[in-house]
PDB file of N, CA and C in Angstrom:
ATOM      1  N   MET A   1       0.812  -0.922   0.123  1.00  0.00           N
ATOM      2  CA  MET A   1      -0.297   0.048  -0.279  1.00  0.00           C
ATOM      3  C   MET A   1       0.820   1.442  -0.233  1.00  0.00           C
ATOM      4  N   GLY A   2       1.959   1.187   0.902  1.00  0.00           N
ATOM      5  CA  GLY A   2       2.674   2.538   0.742  1.00  0.00           C
ATOM      6  C   GLY A   2       3.479   2.613  -0.365  1.00  0.00           C
ATOM      7  N   SER A   3       3.706   1.724  -1.258  1.00  0.00           N
ATOM      8  CA  SER A   3       4.301   2.049  -2.521  1.00  0.00           C
ATOM      9  C   SER A   3       3.189   2.603  -3.395  1.00  0.00           C
ATOM     10  N   ARG A   4       2.278   2.187  -3.135  1.00  0.00           N
ATOM     11  CA  ARG A   4       1.048   2.810  -4.107  1.00  0.00           C
ATOM     12  C   ARG A   4       0.949   4.143  -4.288  1.00  0.00           C
ATOM     13  N   LEU A   5       0.651   4.457  -2.594  1.00  0.00           N
ATOM     14  CA  LEU A   5       0.850   5.876  -2.737  1.00  0.00           C
ATOM     15  C   LEU A   5       2.419   6.649  -2.803  1.00  0.00           C
ATOM     16  N   SER A   6       3.332   6.220  -2.619  1.00  0.00           N
ATOM     17  CA  SER A   6       4.341   6.831  -3.370  1.00  0.00           C
ATOM     18  C   SER A   6       4.219   7.286  -4.565  1.00  0.00           C
ATOM     19  N   VAL A   7       3.907   6.255  -5.636  1.00  0.00           N
ATOM     20  CA  VAL A   7       3.696   6.203  -7.059  1.00  0.00           C
ATOM     21  C   VAL A   7       2.799   7.315  -7.185  1.00  0.00           C
ATOM     22  N   ALA A   8       1.968   7.307  -6.205  1.00  0.00           N
ATOM     23  CA  ALA A   8       0.605   8.435  -7.022  1.00  0.00           C
ATOM     24  C   ALA A   8       1.075   9.346  -6.578  1.00  0.00           C
ATOM     25  N   VAL A   9       1.490   9.866  -5.212  1.00  0.00           N
ATOM     26  CA  VAL A   9       2.208  11.107  -4.899  1.00  0.00           C
ATOM     27  C   VAL A   9       3.387  11.578  -5.984  1.00  0.00           C
ATOM     28  N   ALA A  10       4.215  10.592  -6.101  1.00  0.00           N
ATOM     29  CA  ALA A  10       5.481  11.064  -7.107  1.00  0.00           C
ATOM     30  C   ALA A  10       5.150  11.862  -8.552  1.00  0.00           C
ATOM     31  N   THR A  11       3.952  10.795  -8.833  1.00  0.00           N
ATOM     32  CA  THR A  11       2.945  10.976 -10.202  1.00  0.00           C
ATOM     33  C   THR A  11       2.390  12.399  -9.997  1.00  0.00           C
ATOM     34  N   LEU A  12       1.757  12.945  -8.713  1.00  0.00           N
ATOM     35  CA  LEU A  12       0.884  13.951  -8.985  1.00  0.00           C
ATOM     36  C   LEU A  12       2.136  15.073  -8.698  1.00  0.00           C
ATOM     37  N   PHE A  13       3.115  15.084  -8.174  1.00  0.00           N
ATOM     38  CA  PHE A  13       3.963  15.743  -8.074  1.00  0.00           C
ATOM     39  C   PHE A  13       4.918  16.435  -9.292  1.00  0.00           C
ATOM     40  N   ALA A  14       4.792  15.380  -9.970  1.00  0.00           N
ATOM     41  CA  ALA A  14       5.470  15.497 -11.575  1.00  0.00           C
ATOM     42  C   ALA A  14       4.833  16.440 -12.464  1.00  0.00           C
ATOM     43  N   CYS A  15       3.556  15.614 -12.169  1.00  0.00           N
ATOM     44  CA  CYS A  15       2.423  16.617 -13.137  1.00  0.00           C
ATOM     45  C   CYS A  15       2.209  17.954 -12.739  1.00  0.00           C
ATOM     46  N   ALA A  16       2.047  18.207 -11.428  1.00  0.00           N
ATOM     47  CA  ALA A  16       1.995  19.568 -11.071  1.00  0.00           C
ATOM     48  C   ALA A  16       3.672  20.320 -11.414  1.00  0.00           C
ATOM     49  N   ALA A  17       4.555  19.908 -11.212  1.00  0.00           N
ATOM     50  CA  ALA A  17       5.854  20.699 -12.116  1.00  0.00           C
ATOM     51  C   ALA A  17       6.092  21.009 -13.295  1.00  0.00           C
ATOM     52  N   VAL A  18       5.211  19.659 -14.001  1.00  0.00           N
ATOM     53  CA  VAL A  18       5.618  20.096 -15.526  1.00  0.00           C
ATOM     54  C   VAL A  18       4.465  20.923 -15.859  1.00  0.00           C
ATOM     55  N   ALA A  19       3.087  20.947 -15.122  1.00  0.00           N
ATOM     56  CA  ALA A  19       2.192  21.752 -15.653  1.00  0.00           C
ATOM     57  C   ALA A  19       2.229  23.027 -15.260  1.00  0.00           C
ATOM     58  N   THR A  20       3.258  23.807 -14.218  1.00  0.00           N
ATOM     59  CA  THR A  20       3.220  24.609 -13.926  1.00  0.00           C
ATOM     60  C   THR A  20       4.911  25.470 -14.136  1.00  0.00           C
ATOM     61  N   GLY A  21       5.371  24.899 -15.226  1.00  0.00           N
ATOM     62  CA  GLY A  21       6.960  24.963 -15.753  1.00  0.00           C
ATOM     63  C   GLY A  21       8.431  24.784 -15.098  1.00  0.00           C
ATOM     64  N   CYS A  22       7.447  24.019 -14.097  1.00  0.00           N
ATOM     65  CA  CYS A  22       8.783  23.631 -13.690  1.00  0.00           C
ATOM     66  C   CYS A  22       9.384  22.389 -14.145  1.00  0.00           C
ATOM     67  N   GLY A  23      10.682  22.497 -14.571  1.00  0.00           N
ATOM     68  CA  GLY A  23      11.207  20.654 -14.637  1.00  0.00           C
ATOM     69  C   GLY A  23      12.438  20.612 -14.221  1.00  0.00           C
ATOM     70  N   GLY A  24      13.069  19.555 -15.383  1.00  0.00           N
ATOM     71  CA  GLY A  24      14.946  19.144 -14.567  1.00  0.00           C
ATOM     72  C   GLY A  24      15.603  20.244 -15.256  1.00  0.00           C
ATOM     73  N   GLY A  25      17.224  19.604 -15.647  1.00  0.00           N
ATOM     74  CA  GLY A  25      17.692  20.257 -16.353  1.00  0.00           C
ATOM     75  C   GLY A  25      17.736  20.500 -17.701  1.00  0.00           C
ATOM     76  N   ASP A  26      17.462  19.592 -18.441  1.00  0.00           N
ATOM     77  CA  ASP A  26      17.297  19.725 -19.601  1.00  0.00           C
ATOM     78  C   ASP A  26      16.394  21.298 -20.284  1.00  0.00           C
ATOM     79  N   GLU A  27      16.621  22.278 -20.384  1.00  0.00           N
ATOM     80  CA  GLU A  27      15.281  23.103 -21.397  1.00  0.00           C
ATOM     81  C   GLU A  27      15.112  23.059 -22.457  1.00  0.00           C
ATOM     82  N   ALA A  28      15.844  22.000 -23.231  1.00  0.00           N
ATOM     83  CA  ALA A  28      15.096  21.910 -24.479  1.00  0.00           C
ATOM     84  C   ALA A  28      13.691  20.954 -24.079  1.00  0.00           C
ATOM     85  N   ASP A  29      13.761  20.359 -22.913  1.00  0.00           N
ATOM     86  CA  ASP A  29      12.402  19.304 -22.598  1.00  0.00           C
ATOM     87  C   ASP A  29      11.631  20.267 -21.884  1.00  0.00           C
ATOM     88  N   VAL A  30      11.657  21.518 -21.639  1.00  0.00           N
ATOM     89  CA  VAL A  30      10.742  22.404 -20.962  1.00  0.00           C
ATOM     90  C   VAL A  30       9.508  22.738 -21.950  1.00  0.00           C
ATOM     91  N   PRO A  31       8.807  22.925 -21.694  1.00  0.00           N
ATOM     92  CA  PRO A  31       7.451  23.267 -22.626  1.00  0.00           C
ATOM     93  C   PRO A  31       7.666  24.785 -22.756  1.00  0.00           C
ATOM     94  N   ASP A  32       7.000  25.324 -23.664  1.00  0.00           N
ATOM     95  CA  ASP A  32       7.480  26.557 -23.991  1.00  0.00           C
ATOM     96  C   ASP A  32       5.943  26.990 -23.908  1.00  0.00           C
ATOM     97  N   THR A  33       4.876  26.672 -23.764  1.00  0.00           N
ATOM     98  CA  THR A  33       3.835  27.259 -23.390  1.00  0.00           C
ATOM     99  C   THR A  33       3.236  26.276 -22.367  1.00  0.00           C
ATOM    100  N   ARG A  34       2.104  26.953 -21.603  1.00  0.00           N
ATOM    101  CA  ARG A  34       1.023  26.425 -20.619  1.00  0.00           C
ATOM    102  C   ARG A  34       0.900  25.579 -21.434  1.00  0.00           C
ATOM    103  N   ASP A  35      -0.006  25.851 -22.476  1.00  0.00           N
ATOM    104  CA  ASP A  35      -1.073  25.139 -23.054  1.00  0.00           C
ATOM    105  C   ASP A  35       0.004  23.448 -23.869  1.00  0.00           C
ATOM    106  N   GLU A  36       1.281  23.718 -23.600  1.00  0.00           N
ATOM    107  CA  GLU A  36       2.263  22.750 -24.185  1.00  0.00           C
ATOM    108  C   GLU A  36       2.413  21.795 -22.647  1.00  0.00           C
ATOM    109  N   ALA A  37       2.381  22.602 -21.670  1.00  0.00           N
ATOM    110  CA  ALA A  37       2.748  21.737 -20.421  1.00  0.00           C
ATOM    111  C   ALA A  37       1.701  20.866 -20.097  1.00  0.00           C
ATOM    112  N   VAL A  38       0.403  21.409 -20.556  1.00  0.00           N
ATOM    113  CA  VAL A  38      -0.805  20.776 -19.750  1.00  0.00           C
ATOM    114  C   VAL A  38      -1.073  19.812 -20.864  1.00  0.00           C
ATOM    115  N   ALA A  39      -0.731  19.898 -21.708  1.00  0.00           N
ATOM    116  CA  ALA A  39      -0.974  18.582 -23.151  1.00  0.00           C
ATOM    117  C   ALA A  39       0.128  17.635 -22.370  1.00  0.00           C
ATOM    118  N   ARG A  40       1.356  17.813 -21.975  1.00  0.00           N
ATOM    119  CA  ARG A  40       2.326  17.045 -21.596  1.00  0.00           C
ATOM    120  C   ARG A  40       1.865  16.769 -20.697  1.00  0.00           C
ATOM    121  N   CYS A  41       1.584  17.164 -19.276  1.00  0.00           N
ATOM    122  CA  CYS A  41       0.985  16.769 -18.072  1.00  0.00           C
ATOM    123  C   CYS A  41      -0.022  15.180 -18.364  1.00  0.00           C
ATOM    124  N   GLN A  42      -1.470  15.967 -19.459  1.00  0.00           N
ATOM    125  CA  GLN A  42      -2.338  14.747 -19.637  1.00  0.00           C
ATOM    126  C   GLN A  42      -1.286  13.440 -20.400  1.00  0.00           C
ATOM    127  N   GLU A  43      -0.570  13.926 -21.321  1.00  0.00           N
ATOM    128  CA  GLU A  43      -0.234  12.506 -21.487  1.00  0.00           C
ATOM    129  C   GLU A  43       0.829  11.920 -20.782  1.00  0.00           C
ATOM    130  N   GLU A  44       1.179  12.274 -19.829  1.00  0.00           N
ATOM    131  CA  GLU A  44       2.005  11.848 -18.530  1.00  0.00           C
ATOM    132  C   GLU A  44       0.936  10.959 -17.466  1.00  0.00           C
ATOM    133  N   ALA A  45      -0.038  11.725 -17.268  1.00  0.00           N
ATOM    134  CA  ALA A  45      -1.092  11.356 -16.587  1.00  0.00           C
ATOM    135  C   ALA A  45      -1.447   9.758 -17.251  1.00  0.00           C
ATOM    136  N   ALA A  46      -1.741  10.105 -18.732  1.00  0.00           N
ATOM    137  CA  ALA A  46      -2.397   9.003 -19.389  1.00  0.00           C
ATOM    138  C   ALA A  46      -1.900   7.710 -18.736  1.00  0.00           C
ATOM    139  N   LYS A  47      -0.616   7.559 -18.651  1.00  0.00           N
ATOM    140  CA  LYS A  47       0.668   6.565 -18.604  1.00  0.00           C
ATOM    141  C   LYS A  47       0.607   6.226 -17.111  1.00  0.00           C
ATOM    142  N   VAL A  48      -0.197   6.595 -16.003  1.00  0.00           N
ATOM    143  CA  VAL A  48      -0.359   6.258 -15.120  1.00  0.00           C
ATOM    144  C   VAL A  48      -1.268   5.100 -14.650  1.00  0.00           C
ATOM    145  N   GLU A  49      -1.141   3.583 -14.232  1.00  0.00           N
ATOM    146  CA  GLU A  49      -1.506   2.233 -14.755  1.00  0.00           C
ATOM    147  C   GLU A  49      -2.702   2.379 -13.285  1.00  0.00           C
ATOM    148  N   ASP A  50      -2.378   2.839 -12.419  1.00  0.00           N
ATOM    149  CA  ASP A  50      -3.370   2.886 -11.099  1.00  0.00           C
ATOM    150  C   ASP A  50      -4.804   3.519 -11.925  1.00  0.00           C
ATOM    151  N   PRO A  51      -6.022   3.224 -11.520  1.00  0.00           N
ATOM    152  CA  PRO A  51      -7.267   3.857 -11.723  1.00  0.00           C
ATOM    153  C   PRO A  51      -7.108   5.483 -11.205  1.00  0.00           C
ATOM    154  N   SER A  52      -6.740   5.413  -9.689  1.00  0.00           N
ATOM    155  CA  SER A  52      -7.014   6.447  -8.958  1.00  0.00           C
ATOM    156  C   SER A  52      -5.879   7.515  -8.952  1.00  0.00           C
ATOM    157  N   GLY A  53      -4.673   6.738  -9.150  1.00  0.00           N
ATOM    158  CA  GLY A  53      -3.358   7.694  -9.343  1.00  0.00           C
ATOM    159  C   GLY A  53      -3.682   8.854 -10.560  1.00  0.00           C
ATOM    160  N   ARG A  54      -4.268   7.874 -11.872  1.00  0.00           N
ATOM    161  CA  ARG A  54      -4.448   8.627 -13.203  1.00  0.00           C
ATOM    162  C   ARG A  54      -5.605   9.759 -12.828  1.00  0.00           C
ATOM    163  N   ARG A  55      -6.357   9.442 -12.266  1.00  0.00           N
ATOM    164  CA  ARG A  55      -7.549  10.317 -11.980  1.00  0.00           C
ATOM    165  C   ARG A  55      -6.795  11.838 -11.175  1.00  0.00           C
ATOM    166  N   THR A  56      -5.834  11.086 -10.235  1.00  0.00           N
ATOM    167  CA  THR A  56      -5.377  12.355  -9.056  1.00  0.00           C
ATOM    168  C   THR A  56      -4.325  13.126 -10.154  1.00  0.00           C
ATOM    169  N   ALA A  57      -3.509  12.302 -10.886  1.00  0.00           N
ATOM    170  CA  ALA A  57      -2.777  13.367 -12.078  1.00  0.00           C
ATOM    171  C   ALA A  57      -3.699  13.960 -12.821  1.00  0.00           C
ATOM    172  N   GLN A  58      -4.880  13.383 -13.770  1.00  0.00           N
ATOM    173  CA  GLN A  58      -5.202  14.432 -14.269  1.00  0.00           C
ATOM    174  C   GLN A  58      -6.006  15.724 -13.946  1.00  0.00           C
ATOM    175  N   ALA A  59      -6.296  15.534 -12.399  1.00  0.00           N
ATOM    176  CA  ALA A  59      -6.863  16.723 -11.515  1.00  0.00           C
ATOM    177  C   ALA A  59      -5.976  17.388 -12.077  1.00  0.00           C
ATOM    178  N   VAL A  60      -5.111  17.385 -11.317  1.00  0.00           N
ATOM    179  CA  VAL A  60      -3.776  18.176 -11.430  1.00  0.00           C
ATOM    180  C   VAL A  60      -3.795  19.163 -12.698  1.00  0.00           C
ATOM    181  N   CYS A  61      -3.336  18.138 -13.529  1.00  0.00           N
ATOM    182  CA  CYS A  61      -3.275  18.581 -15.223  1.00  0.00           C
ATOM    183  C   CYS A  61      -4.514  19.790 -15.323  1.00  0.00           C
ATOM    184  N   GLY A  62      -5.969  19.133 -14.821  1.00  0.00           N
ATOM    185  CA  GLY A  62      -6.661  19.712 -15.403  1.00  0.00           C
ATOM    186  C   GLY A  62      -6.712  21.411 -14.595  1.00  0.00           C
ATOM    187  N   ALA A  63      -6.257  21.401 -13.042  1.00  0.00           N
ATOM    188  CA  ALA A  63      -6.205  22.709 -12.497  1.00  0.00           C
ATOM    189  C   ALA A  63      -5.054  23.474 -13.140  1.00  0.00           C
ATOM    190  N   ALA A  64      -4.003  22.514 -13.813  1.00  0.00           N
ATOM    191  CA  ALA A  64      -3.181  23.567 -14.793  1.00  0.00           C
ATOM    192  C   ALA A  64      -3.798  24.646 -15.753  1.00  0.00           C
ATOM    193  N   GLN A  65      -4.679  24.432 -16.145  1.00  0.00           N
ATOM    194  CA  GLN A  65      -5.018  25.052 -17.163  1.00  0.00           C
ATOM    195  C   GLN A  65      -5.235  26.312 -17.106  1.00  0.00           C
ATOM    196  N   SER A  66      -5.302  27.025 -15.956  1.00  0.00           N
ATOM    197  CA  SER A  66      -5.648  28.191 -15.118  1.00  0.00           C
ATOM    198  C   SER A  66      -4.681  28.957 -15.385  1.00  0.00           C
ATOM    199  N   GLY A  67      -3.137  28.337 -15.444  1.00  0.00           N
ATOM    200  CA  GLY A  67      -2.594  28.972 -15.218  1.00  0.00           C
ATOM    201  C   GLY A  67      -1.798  29.440 -14.381  1.00  0.00           C
ATOM    202  N   ASN A  68      -2.416  29.449 -13.091  1.00  0.00           N
ATOM    203  CA  ASN A  68      -2.447  29.903 -12.039  1.00  0.00           C
ATOM    204  C   ASN A  68      -1.592  29.171 -10.593  1.00  0.00           C
ATOM    205  N   PRO A  69      -0.526  29.108 -10.390  1.00  0.00           N
ATOM    206  CA  PRO A  69       0.551  27.961  -9.526  1.00  0.00           C
ATOM    207  C   PRO A  69      -0.233  27.866  -8.207  1.00  0.00           C
ATOM    208  N   GLY A  70      -0.638  28.742  -8.039  1.00  0.00           N
ATOM    209  CA  GLY A  70      -1.538  28.777  -6.572  1.00  0.00           C
ATOM    210  C   GLY A  70      -2.767  27.292  -6.551  1.00  0.00           C
ATOM    211  N   GLU A  71      -3.343  27.795  -7.461  1.00  0.00           N
ATOM    212  CA  GLU A  71      -4.572  26.924  -8.090  1.00  0.00           C
ATOM    213  C   GLU A  71      -3.858  25.032  -7.948  1.00  0.00           C
ATOM    214  N   VAL A  72      -3.172  25.322  -8.585  1.00  0.00           N
ATOM    215  CA  VAL A  72      -2.130  24.045  -9.163  1.00  0.00           C
ATOM    216  C   VAL A  72      -1.658  23.301  -7.734  1.00  0.00           C
ATOM    217  N   ARG A  73      -1.139  23.961  -7.067  1.00  0.00           N
ATOM    218  CA  ARG A  73      -0.963  23.496  -5.405  1.00  0.00           C
ATOM    219  C   ARG A  73      -1.726  23.001  -4.770  1.00  0.00           C
ATOM    220  N   ASP A  74      -3.381  24.168  -4.760  1.00  0.00           N
ATOM    221  CA  ASP A  74      -4.194  23.481  -4.116  1.00  0.00           C
ATOM    222  C   ASP A  74      -4.637  22.034  -4.473  1.00  0.00           C
ATOM    223  N   ALA A  75      -4.839  22.110  -5.837  1.00  0.00           N
ATOM    224  CA  ALA A  75      -5.362  20.629  -6.463  1.00  0.00           C
ATOM    225  C   ALA A  75      -4.732  19.807  -5.657  1.00  0.00           C
ATOM    226  N   ALA A  76      -3.262  19.939  -5.939  1.00  0.00           N
ATOM    227  CA  ALA A  76      -2.117  18.653  -5.766  1.00  0.00           C
ATOM    228  C   ALA A  76      -2.895  18.453  -4.464  1.00  0.00           C
ATOM    229  N   ARG A  77      -2.627  19.149  -3.212  1.00  0.00           N
ATOM    230  CA  ARG A  77      -2.956  19.257  -2.192  1.00  0.00           C
ATOM    231  C   ARG A  77      -4.326  18.531  -1.939  1.00  0.00           C
ATOM    232  N   ARG A  78      -5.062  18.886  -2.459  1.00  0.00           N
ATOM    233  CA  ARG A  78      -6.489  18.112  -2.233  1.00  0.00           C
ATOM    234  C   ARG A  78      -6.589  16.497  -2.550  1.00  0.00           C
ATOM    235  N   GLN A  79      -5.875  16.005  -4.054  1.00  0.00           N
ATOM    236  CA  GLN A  79      -5.962  15.044  -4.408  1.00  0.00           C
ATOM    237  C   GLN A  79      -4.828  14.126  -3.803  1.00  0.00           C
ATOM    238  N   CYS A  80      -3.810  14.512  -2.946  1.00  0.00           N
ATOM    239  CA  CYS A  80      -3.158  13.964  -1.975  1.00  0.00           C
ATOM    240  C   CYS A  80      -3.838  13.553  -0.870  1.00  0.00           C
ATOM    241  N   LEU A  81      -4.087  14.430  -0.360  1.00  0.00           N
ATOM    242  CA  LEU A  81      -5.210  14.093   0.831  1.00  0.00           C
ATOM    243  C   LEU A  81      -6.144  13.345   0.767  1.00  0.00           C
ATOM    244  N   GLU A  82      -6.649  13.119  -0.889  1.00  0.00           N
ATOM    245  CA  GLU A  82      -8.045  12.257  -1.032  1.00  0.00           C
ATOM    246  C   GLU A  82      -7.567  10.832  -1.102  1.00  0.00           C
ATOM    247  N   ILE A  83      -5.941  10.628  -1.771  1.00  0.00           N
ATOM    248  CA  ILE A  83      -5.128   9.614  -1.836  1.00  0.00           C
ATOM    249  C   ILE A  83      -5.012   8.873  -0.103  1.00  0.00           C
ATOM    250  N   ALA A  84      -4.674   9.931   0.876  1.00  0.00           N
ATOM    251  CA  ALA A  84      -4.264   9.176   2.017  1.00  0.00           C
ATOM    252  C   ALA A  84      -5.019   8.862   3.037  1.00  0.00           C
ATOM    253  N   LYS A  85      -6.387   9.603   2.769  1.00  0.00           N
ATOM    254  CA  LYS A  85      -7.572   9.262   3.397  1.00  0.00           C
ATOM    255  C   LYS A  85      -7.963   8.067   3.134  1.00  0.00           C
ATOM    256  N   ASN A  86      -7.801   7.200   2.187  1.00  0.00           N
ATOM    257  CA  ASN A  86      -8.058   6.008   1.736  1.00  0.00           C
ATOM    258  C   ASN A  86      -7.145   5.312   1.882  1.00  0.00           C
ATOM    259  N   LEU A  87      -5.854   5.229   3.133  1.00  0.00           N
ATOM    260  CA  LEU A  87      -5.164   4.454   3.444  1.00  0.00           C
ATOM    261  C   LEU A  87      -5.734   3.630   4.665  1.00  0.00           C
ATOM    262  N   PRO A  88      -5.629   2.225   4.564  1.00  0.00           N
ATOM    263  CA  PRO A  88      -6.456   1.525   5.804  1.00  0.00           C
ATOM    264  C   PRO A  88      -5.746   1.689   6.977  1.00  0.00           C
ATOM    265  N   ASP A  89      -4.155   1.649   7.291  1.00  0.00           N
ATOM    266  CA  ASP A  89      -3.357   1.663   8.220  1.00  0.00           C
ATOM    267  C   ASP A  89      -3.158   3.338   8.786  1.00  0.00           C
ATOM    268  N   ALA A  90      -3.606   3.443  10.208  1.00  0.00           N
ATOM    269  CA  ALA A  90      -4.026   4.605  10.812  1.00  0.00           C
ATOM    270  C   ALA A  90      -2.728   5.606  10.697  1.00  0.00           C
ATOM    271  N   ALA A  91      -1.542   4.906  11.001  1.00  0.00           N
ATOM    272  CA  ALA A  91      -0.436   5.373  11.199  1.00  0.00           C
ATOM    273  C   ALA A  91       0.504   5.905   9.706  1.00  0.00           C
ATOM    274  N   THR A  92       0.468   5.048   8.926  1.00  0.00           N
ATOM    275  CA  THR A  92       0.480   5.239   7.435  1.00  0.00           C
ATOM    276  C   THR A  92      -0.479   6.367   6.574  1.00  0.00           C
ATOM    277  N   ARG A  93      -1.958   6.601   7.204  1.00  0.00           N
ATOM    278  CA  ARG A  93      -2.347   7.604   6.702  1.00  0.00           C
ATOM    279  C   ARG A  93      -2.255   8.733   7.577  1.00  0.00           C
ATOM    280  N   GLN A  94      -1.757   9.023   8.959  1.00  0.00           N
ATOM    281  CA  GLN A  94      -1.708  10.135   9.479  1.00  0.00           C
ATOM    282  C   GLN A  94      -0.082  10.731   8.937  1.00  0.00           C
ATOM    283  N   ARG A  95       0.848  10.027   8.128  1.00  0.00           N
ATOM    284  CA  ARG A  95       2.069  10.371   8.185  1.00  0.00           C
ATOM    285  C   ARG A  95       2.034  10.678   6.425  1.00  0.00           C
ATOM    286  N   ALA A  96       0.592   9.690   5.911  1.00  0.00           N
ATOM    287  CA  ALA A  96       0.760  10.321   4.233  1.00  0.00           C
ATOM    288  C   ALA A  96       0.070  11.531   4.312  1.00  0.00           C
ATOM    289  N   GLU A  97      -0.991  11.890   5.285  1.00  0.00           N
ATOM    290  CA  GLU A  97      -1.743  13.550   5.234  1.00  0.00           C
ATOM    291  C   GLU A  97      -0.379  14.383   5.722  1.00  0.00           C
ATOM    292  N   SER A  98       0.410  14.241   6.649  1.00  0.00           N
ATOM    293  CA  SER A  98       1.825  15.496   7.350  1.00  0.00           C
ATOM    294  C   SER A  98       2.246  15.730   5.638  1.00  0.00           C
ATOM    295  N   LEU A  99       2.584  14.389   4.939  1.00  0.00           N
ATOM    296  CA  LEU A  99       3.168  14.778   3.828  1.00  0.00           C
ATOM    297  C   LEU A  99       2.425  15.286   2.716  1.00  0.00           C
ATOM    298  N   CYS A 100       1.660  15.574   2.708  1.00  0.00           N
ATOM    299  CA  CYS A 100       0.568  15.897   1.545  1.00  0.00           C
ATOM    300  C   CYS A 100       0.354  17.412   1.978  1.00  0.00           C
ATOM    301  N   ALA A 101       0.523  17.685   3.136  1.00  0.00           N
ATOM    302  CA  ALA A 101       0.233  19.265   3.982  1.00  0.00           C
ATOM    303  C   ALA A 101       1.679  19.571   3.443  1.00  0.00           C
ATOM    304  N   SER A 102       2.748  19.089   3.832  1.00  0.00           N
ATOM    305  CA  SER A 102       3.967  20.219   3.788  1.00  0.00           C
ATOM    306  C   SER A 102       5.056  20.266   2.680  1.00  0.00           C
ATOM    307  N   SER A 103       4.205  18.973   1.578  1.00  0.00           N
ATOM    308  CA  SER A 103       4.829  18.682   0.427  1.00  0.00           C
ATOM    309  C   SER A 103       4.664  19.998  -0.405  1.00  0.00           C
ATOM    310  N   VAL A 104       3.245  20.126  -0.500  1.00  0.00           N
ATOM    311  CA  VAL A 104       2.342  21.252  -1.673  1.00  0.00           C
ATOM    312  C   VAL A 104       2.420  22.688  -1.094  1.00  0.00           C
ATOM    313  N   ARG A 105       3.348  23.637  -0.811  1.00  0.00           N
ATOM    314  CA  ARG A 105       3.704  24.716  -0.204  1.00  0.00           C
ATOM    315  C   ARG A 105       3.870  25.695  -1.450  1.00  0.00           C
TER     316      ARG A 105
END
C-alpha cells in the first residue's frame, strides 16, 4: 500500500511541476507554453496504470489549465489528501496526510 501511495504522490508532484513549467535540467525538454505543459501533463497522466493515481494526476493537469500556480498547488494538496484518507493503516494515513500538507506549499 505504501508503494502505491509513493507512486501516486510522485506522479502527482511530477505532473504539477510539468504543468506549472518547472522542469529538470534539460531546457530543451521544458514546454514553451502553458498549453504544451498541460498537454504533456495529460500525456504523462494517461500513462499512470493505477486508476486512482491516473485520476489524481489528471485532476492536477486540469487545474494547470488556469495557469495559476496556487490553484495547481491546491489541487495537488486536495488530491494527495484524498489518496491519503483512503489508506487503511492509521499510522500510514497520518504520515501521508502530513506529507501532503507539508510537501505542496
